[in-house]
């Protein structure tokens, strides 16, 4: 719905309606307004035998509605940087300290002007806590000396949130084995995903991260030719992926799985086998890496379809 059209033959549902702006869009029949995109209403229209979803365009703002009638809710990007200004992102755990600075939060806060990034830390996860967010990024939740153990009930909260359209990303490699991943694996269990306990892809004598250059075709990898890792962990699972889950191993290196993406219900889960993509050294010292583009792609893919989807520029500022 809401694709531009010239006549009904160009619409999948066979209905093309005029907007007050002088343009026309595709729409669908409806029984009540709840059948329509938020911001649209259901009602009778001249020339239509059934009620249809219809919309009066106005400037798009961050209000949970499709104001401009293009079929996408809250697609605001004033600076055209590829990050939706309305997006709401939370982080769990604490930023890593092995690399030079954690730039992820600062970078995001400068782009998601209406949502910013909320640090949940080790807050207990409940449905009310996670509900406001489009995306949750799990950073360092290693239990020993840094946090607490998460529970199966909290894992179920995250699972329900993802199934309803949430986007979850996890990272690892912040601490040393054993048990580095016990906590995050509790939260990944409902999705059939996990990290191993043997560190992989350690940087060599050059003291630079190991470049990952083997990428499958996926929205996360579009335009990305290399990002770096160091002392990460292999990603595994699900053992028997649902054929309808759109499961992809999108990054490998040294024969190991480094990145996996899977659709769960309405939502997405991205499991990355390292944490160096959050460090300043990877953004500044490696012109051969496309870390900002990798993050921009990831955030867009994690965001549920039809909400806060904005074009990604050729050059990421």
Protein backbone atom coordinates (compact mmCIF):
# COMPACT_ATOMS: atom_id res chain seq x y z
CA UNK A 1 0.00 0.00 0.00
CA UNK A 2 0.98 3.66 -0.61
CA UNK A 3 3.16 3.10 -3.66
CA UNK A 4 2.77 5.93 -6.15
CA UNK A 5 0.43 5.14 -9.03
CA UNK A 6 -1.12 6.57 -12.16
CA UNK A 7 -4.10 4.23 -12.37
CA UNK A 8 -5.46 1.16 -10.61
CA UNK A 9 -3.74 -1.25 -13.01
CA UNK A 10 -0.39 -0.28 -11.47
CA UNK A 11 -1.47 -1.27 -7.94
CA UNK A 12 -1.18 -4.82 -6.50
CA UNK A 13 -4.63 -4.47 -4.94
CA UNK A 14 -6.10 -2.76 -7.98
CA UNK A 15 -7.00 0.49 -6.16
CA UNK A 16 -5.34 3.84 -6.94
CA UNK A 17 -6.65 6.87 -5.06
CA UNK A 18 -5.81 10.59 -5.27
CA UNK A 19 -4.15 12.46 -2.40
CA UNK A 20 -4.75 16.06 -1.53
CA UNK A 21 -1.21 16.84 -2.68
CA UNK A 22 -2.11 16.17 -6.30
CA UNK A 23 -0.45 12.74 -6.39
CA UNK A 24 -2.03 9.30 -6.25
CA UNK A 25 -1.15 6.20 -4.22
CA UNK A 26 -2.10 2.55 -4.06
CA UNK A 27 -4.39 1.51 -1.25
CA UNK A 28 -6.48 -1.45 -0.08
CA UNK A 29 -10.03 -2.13 1.02
CA UNK A 30 -10.72 -2.12 4.76
CA UNK A 31 -13.33 -2.93 7.35
CA UNK A 32 -12.16 -0.53 10.05
CA UNK A 33 -9.37 2.02 10.51
CA UNK A 34 -7.36 -0.62 12.39
CA UNK A 35 -6.88 -2.37 9.03
CA UNK A 36 -4.94 0.65 7.74
CA UNK A 37 -1.47 2.04 8.33
CA UNK A 38 -1.32 4.26 11.43
CA UNK A 39 -2.29 7.74 10.28
CA UNK A 40 -4.70 6.50 7.61
CA UNK A 41 -8.46 6.11 8.04
CA UNK A 42 -10.98 3.68 6.63
CA UNK A 43 -13.98 5.11 4.86
CA UNK A 44 -16.12 5.40 1.77
CA UNK A 45 -14.73 7.12 -1.32
CA UNK A 46 -16.37 8.18 -4.56
CA UNK A 47 -15.86 5.60 -7.28
CA UNK A 48 -15.13 2.75 -4.83
CA UNK A 49 -17.65 0.01 -4.06
CA UNK A 50 -16.03 -0.79 -0.71
CA UNK A 51 -14.43 1.26 2.05
CA UNK A 52 -10.73 1.93 1.44
CA UNK A 53 -7.78 3.14 3.49
CA UNK A 54 -7.21 6.82 2.75
CA UNK A 55 -4.89 9.57 3.91
CA UNK A 56 -4.49 13.36 3.92
CA UNK A 57 -0.78 14.22 3.58
CA UNK A 58 1.10 16.52 5.96
CA UNK A 59 4.81 16.88 6.83
CA UNK A 60 6.26 13.73 8.38
CA UNK A 61 7.09 13.97 12.10
CA UNK A 62 8.02 11.49 14.83
CA UNK A 63 4.58 10.59 16.13
CA UNK A 64 3.99 6.96 15.21
CA UNK A 65 1.88 7.92 12.19
CA UNK A 66 2.35 7.98 8.42
CA UNK A 67 1.84 11.72 8.03
CA UNK A 68 3.00 12.11 4.42
CA UNK A 69 0.98 9.12 3.20
CA UNK A 70 3.91 7.27 1.60
CA UNK A 71 3.17 4.05 3.49
CA UNK A 72 6.06 4.39 5.98
CA UNK A 73 5.64 5.53 9.57
CA UNK A 74 8.09 8.10 11.00
CA UNK A 75 10.52 8.07 8.05
CA UNK A 76 12.27 11.31 9.06
CA UNK A 77 15.94 11.88 8.21
CA UNK A 78 16.57 15.61 8.18
CA UNK A 79 20.33 15.28 7.67
CA UNK A 80 20.03 12.47 5.10
CA UNK A 81 22.60 10.37 6.99
CA UNK A 82 20.75 7.07 6.57
CA UNK A 83 19.60 6.84 10.21
CA UNK A 84 15.94 7.53 10.95
CA UNK A 85 15.67 10.51 13.30
CA UNK A 86 12.71 8.90 15.07
CA UNK A 87 14.35 5.58 15.89
CA UNK A 88 14.53 4.48 19.52
CA UNK A 89 17.53 2.34 20.43
CA UNK A 90 18.60 0.88 23.77
CA UNK A 91 21.84 -0.77 24.81
CA UNK A 92 22.25 -3.47 27.43
CA UNK A 93 25.36 -4.04 29.51
CA UNK A 94 28.38 -1.73 29.35
CA UNK A 95 30.57 -0.54 26.47
CA UNK A 96 33.79 -2.44 25.82
CA UNK A 97 37.11 -1.06 27.01
CA UNK A 98 39.71 -3.03 25.03
CA UNK A 99 39.70 -0.74 22.01
CA UNK A 100 40.14 3.00 21.57
CA UNK A 101 36.85 4.50 22.76
CA UNK A 102 33.31 3.25 22.25
CA UNK A 103 31.92 5.49 19.52
CA UNK A 104 28.65 3.70 18.83
CA UNK A 105 26.49 5.61 21.32
CA UNK A 106 27.91 9.01 20.36
CA UNK A 107 27.54 8.28 16.64
CA UNK A 108 23.94 7.16 17.07
CA UNK A 109 22.95 10.03 19.37
CA UNK A 110 24.09 12.49 16.72
CA UNK A 111 21.77 10.88 14.16
CA UNK A 112 18.68 9.59 15.95
CA UNK A 113 17.83 13.10 17.12
CA UNK A 114 14.35 12.28 18.39
CA UNK A 115 15.14 8.95 19.96
CA UNK A 116 18.82 8.99 21.01
CA UNK A 117 20.27 5.89 22.68
CA UNK A 118 19.05 4.74 26.11
CA UNK A 119 21.49 2.76 28.26
CA UNK A 120 19.55 0.05 30.11
CA UNK A 121 22.69 -1.25 31.82
CA UNK A 122 21.76 -4.32 33.86
CA UNK A 123 18.11 -3.31 34.33
CA UNK A 124 15.68 -6.21 34.71
CA UNK A 125 13.95 -6.87 31.40
CA UNK A 126 10.18 -6.68 31.43
CA UNK A 127 7.67 -6.17 28.63
CA UNK A 128 7.21 -2.55 29.73
CA UNK A 129 10.96 -1.90 29.74
CA UNK A 130 11.59 -3.14 26.18
CA UNK A 131 8.32 -2.00 24.58
CA UNK A 132 9.40 1.60 23.71
CA UNK A 133 12.39 0.54 21.61
CA UNK A 134 12.75 -0.31 17.93
CA UNK A 135 16.20 -1.85 18.48
CA UNK A 136 18.15 -3.24 21.43
CA UNK A 137 21.92 -3.72 21.15
CA UNK A 138 23.51 -6.06 23.69
CA UNK A 139 27.07 -5.01 24.57
CA UNK A 140 29.15 -6.41 27.45
CA UNK A 141 26.91 -8.41 29.80
CA UNK A 142 29.65 -10.77 31.01
CA UNK A 143 28.47 -11.74 34.47
CA UNK A 144 31.69 -12.09 36.45
CA UNK A 145 32.44 -8.79 38.16
CA UNK A 146 30.47 -6.70 35.65
CA UNK A 147 26.81 -7.51 35.88
CA UNK A 148 24.33 -10.14 36.85
CA UNK A 149 22.88 -13.33 35.50
CA UNK A 150 19.92 -12.96 33.17
CA UNK A 151 16.97 -15.29 33.54
CA UNK A 152 14.94 -17.45 31.20
CA UNK A 153 11.96 -15.18 31.92
CA UNK A 154 13.95 -12.20 30.62
CA UNK A 155 14.96 -14.22 27.57
CA UNK A 156 11.27 -14.85 26.91
CA UNK A 157 10.55 -11.11 27.23
CA UNK A 158 13.12 -10.42 24.50
CA UNK A 159 11.75 -13.24 22.37
CA UNK A 160 8.20 -11.88 22.59
CA UNK A 161 9.45 -8.36 21.81
CA UNK A 162 11.32 -9.59 18.70
CA UNK A 163 8.33 -11.60 17.50
CA UNK A 164 6.26 -8.43 17.69
CA UNK A 165 8.70 -6.46 15.53
CA UNK A 166 11.74 -5.65 17.69
CA UNK A 167 15.28 -5.75 16.33
CA UNK A 168 17.93 -7.39 18.53
CA UNK A 169 21.69 -7.25 17.96
CA UNK A 170 24.24 -9.02 20.14
CA UNK A 171 28.03 -8.69 20.28
CA UNK A 172 30.71 -10.60 22.18
CA UNK A 173 34.46 -10.78 22.82
CA UNK A 174 34.58 -8.30 25.67
CA UNK A 175 36.13 -10.68 28.19
CA UNK A 176 38.19 -13.85 28.27
CA UNK A 177 36.99 -17.45 28.41
CA UNK A 178 35.69 -19.48 30.09
CA UNK A 179 32.06 -18.46 30.47
CA UNK A 180 32.43 -15.23 28.50
CA UNK A 181 29.18 -15.96 26.66
CA UNK A 182 27.10 -17.77 29.26
CA UNK A 183 24.94 -14.73 29.92
CA UNK A 184 24.30 -13.64 26.35
CA UNK A 185 23.62 -17.24 25.36
CA UNK A 186 20.77 -17.34 27.90
CA UNK A 187 19.13 -14.48 26.01
CA UNK A 188 19.79 -16.07 22.61
CA UNK A 189 18.44 -19.49 23.57
CA UNK A 190 14.81 -18.86 22.50
CA UNK A 191 16.06 -18.08 18.99
CA UNK A 192 18.18 -21.24 18.73
CA UNK A 193 21.34 -19.13 18.44
CA UNK A 194 24.51 -19.05 20.55
CA UNK A 195 28.20 -18.19 20.73
CA UNK A 196 30.95 -20.76 21.17
CA UNK A 197 33.51 -20.62 24.00
CA UNK A 198 36.72 -20.80 21.97
CA UNK A 199 38.12 -17.43 20.90
CA UNK A 200 38.75 -17.03 17.17
CA UNK A 201 40.51 -14.68 14.76
CA UNK A 202 43.07 -13.09 17.05
CA UNK A 203 45.00 -10.17 15.57
CA UNK A 204 48.62 -10.93 14.78
CA UNK A 205 51.96 -9.19 15.16
CA UNK A 206 50.72 -6.21 13.16
CA UNK A 207 48.41 -5.36 16.09
CA UNK A 208 45.56 -4.70 13.69
CA UNK A 209 42.22 -6.44 13.65
CA UNK A 210 41.61 -9.39 11.34
CA UNK A 211 39.67 -8.20 8.28
CA UNK A 212 36.43 -10.03 7.56
CA UNK A 213 35.93 -9.94 3.80
CA UNK A 214 33.68 -12.91 3.07
CA UNK A 215 30.11 -11.65 2.95
CA UNK A 216 26.91 -13.21 1.67
CA UNK A 217 24.37 -11.06 -0.12
CA UNK A 218 22.22 -9.49 2.58
CA UNK A 219 20.91 -6.01 3.46
CA UNK A 220 23.48 -5.80 6.30
CA UNK A 221 26.38 -6.35 3.91
CA UNK A 222 25.33 -4.08 1.04
CA UNK A 223 28.40 -2.10 -0.03
CA UNK A 224 30.56 -3.57 2.75
CA UNK A 225 33.85 -5.17 1.70
CA UNK A 226 35.66 -5.40 5.06
CA UNK A 227 35.30 -4.90 8.82
CA UNK A 228 37.69 -6.05 11.54
CA UNK A 229 37.51 -8.50 14.43
CA UNK A 230 39.86 -9.64 17.19
CA UNK A 231 39.42 -12.48 19.67
CA UNK A 232 35.78 -12.99 18.86
CA UNK A 233 33.63 -16.11 19.09
CA UNK A 234 31.97 -18.20 16.42
CA UNK A 235 28.22 -17.90 16.03
CA UNK A 236 26.15 -21.06 15.76
CA UNK A 237 22.57 -22.15 15.21
CA UNK A 238 19.80 -22.58 14.71
CA UNK A 239 20.28 -26.33 14.28
CA UNK A 240 17.16 -26.70 12.13
CA UNK A 241 16.18 -23.23 10.93
CA UNK A 242 12.56 -22.68 9.98
CA UNK A 243 12.41 -22.40 6.17
CA UNK A 244 10.30 -19.27 6.63
CA UNK A 245 12.76 -17.58 9.02
CA UNK A 246 15.03 -16.06 6.35
CA UNK A 247 18.12 -17.29 8.20
CA UNK A 248 21.45 -16.14 6.72
CA UNK A 249 25.10 -16.61 7.64
CA UNK A 250 26.12 -13.24 6.24
CA UNK A 251 29.79 -13.06 7.31
CA UNK A 252 32.54 -15.66 7.62
CA UNK A 253 36.27 -15.52 8.22
CA UNK A 254 38.95 -18.17 8.64
CA UNK A 255 36.28 -20.82 8.18
CA UNK A 256 34.24 -19.46 11.10
CA UNK A 257 30.75 -18.01 11.19
CA UNK A 258 31.11 -14.40 12.29
CA UNK A 259 27.69 -12.92 11.55
CA UNK A 260 24.22 -14.46 11.40
CA UNK A 261 20.89 -12.80 10.75
CA UNK A 262 17.47 -14.32 11.20
CA UNK A 263 13.87 -13.17 10.97
CA UNK A 264 11.74 -14.18 13.95
CA UNK A 265 8.04 -13.41 13.57
CA UNK A 266 7.82 -9.73 12.66
CA UNK A 267 11.29 -8.94 14.04
CA UNK A 268 14.97 -9.55 13.36
CA UNK A 269 17.98 -10.86 15.27
CA UNK A 270 21.58 -10.09 14.27
CA UNK A 271 24.34 -12.01 16.07
CA UNK A 272 27.85 -10.60 15.52
CA UNK A 273 30.84 -12.57 16.79
CA UNK A 274 32.96 -9.67 18.04
CA UNK A 275 32.81 -6.15 19.50
CA UNK A 276 35.55 -4.17 17.73
CA UNK A 277 33.01 -2.54 15.40
CA UNK A 278 32.18 -0.30 18.39
CA UNK A 279 35.73 1.03 18.82
CA UNK A 280 37.11 4.28 17.45
CA UNK A 281 40.22 2.58 16.06
CA UNK A 282 38.11 0.67 13.55
CA UNK A 283 36.28 3.78 12.38
CA UNK A 284 39.31 6.08 12.15
CA UNK A 285 42.40 3.97 11.46
CA UNK A 286 40.97 1.71 8.79
CA UNK A 287 39.93 3.45 5.58
CA UNK A 288 39.74 -0.08 4.15
CA UNK A 289 36.86 -0.91 6.54
CA UNK A 290 33.25 0.25 6.10
CA UNK A 291 32.20 0.26 9.75
CA UNK A 292 29.74 3.21 9.61
CA UNK A 293 28.05 1.68 6.56
CA UNK A 294 27.93 -1.70 8.29
CA UNK A 295 26.17 -0.11 11.27
CA UNK A 296 23.81 1.93 9.09
CA UNK A 297 22.80 -1.17 7.13
CA UNK A 298 22.37 -3.14 10.35
CA UNK A 299 20.14 -0.55 11.99
CA UNK A 300 17.92 -0.29 8.93
CA UNK A 301 17.57 -4.08 8.64
CA UNK A 302 16.81 -4.45 12.35
CA UNK A 303 14.01 -1.88 12.13
CA UNK A 304 10.63 -3.43 11.35
CA UNK A 305 9.40 -2.94 7.80
CA UNK A 306 7.10 0.03 7.29
CA UNK A 307 8.48 2.05 10.20
CA UNK A 308 11.41 4.47 10.33
CA UNK A 309 12.80 3.24 6.99
CA UNK A 310 14.92 5.92 5.27
CA UNK A 311 17.27 5.76 2.25
CA UNK A 312 20.94 5.04 2.90
CA UNK A 313 23.19 7.61 1.17
CA UNK A 314 26.03 6.55 -1.12
CA UNK A 315 28.53 8.14 1.26
CA UNK A 316 27.85 7.70 5.01
CA UNK A 317 28.66 10.95 6.86
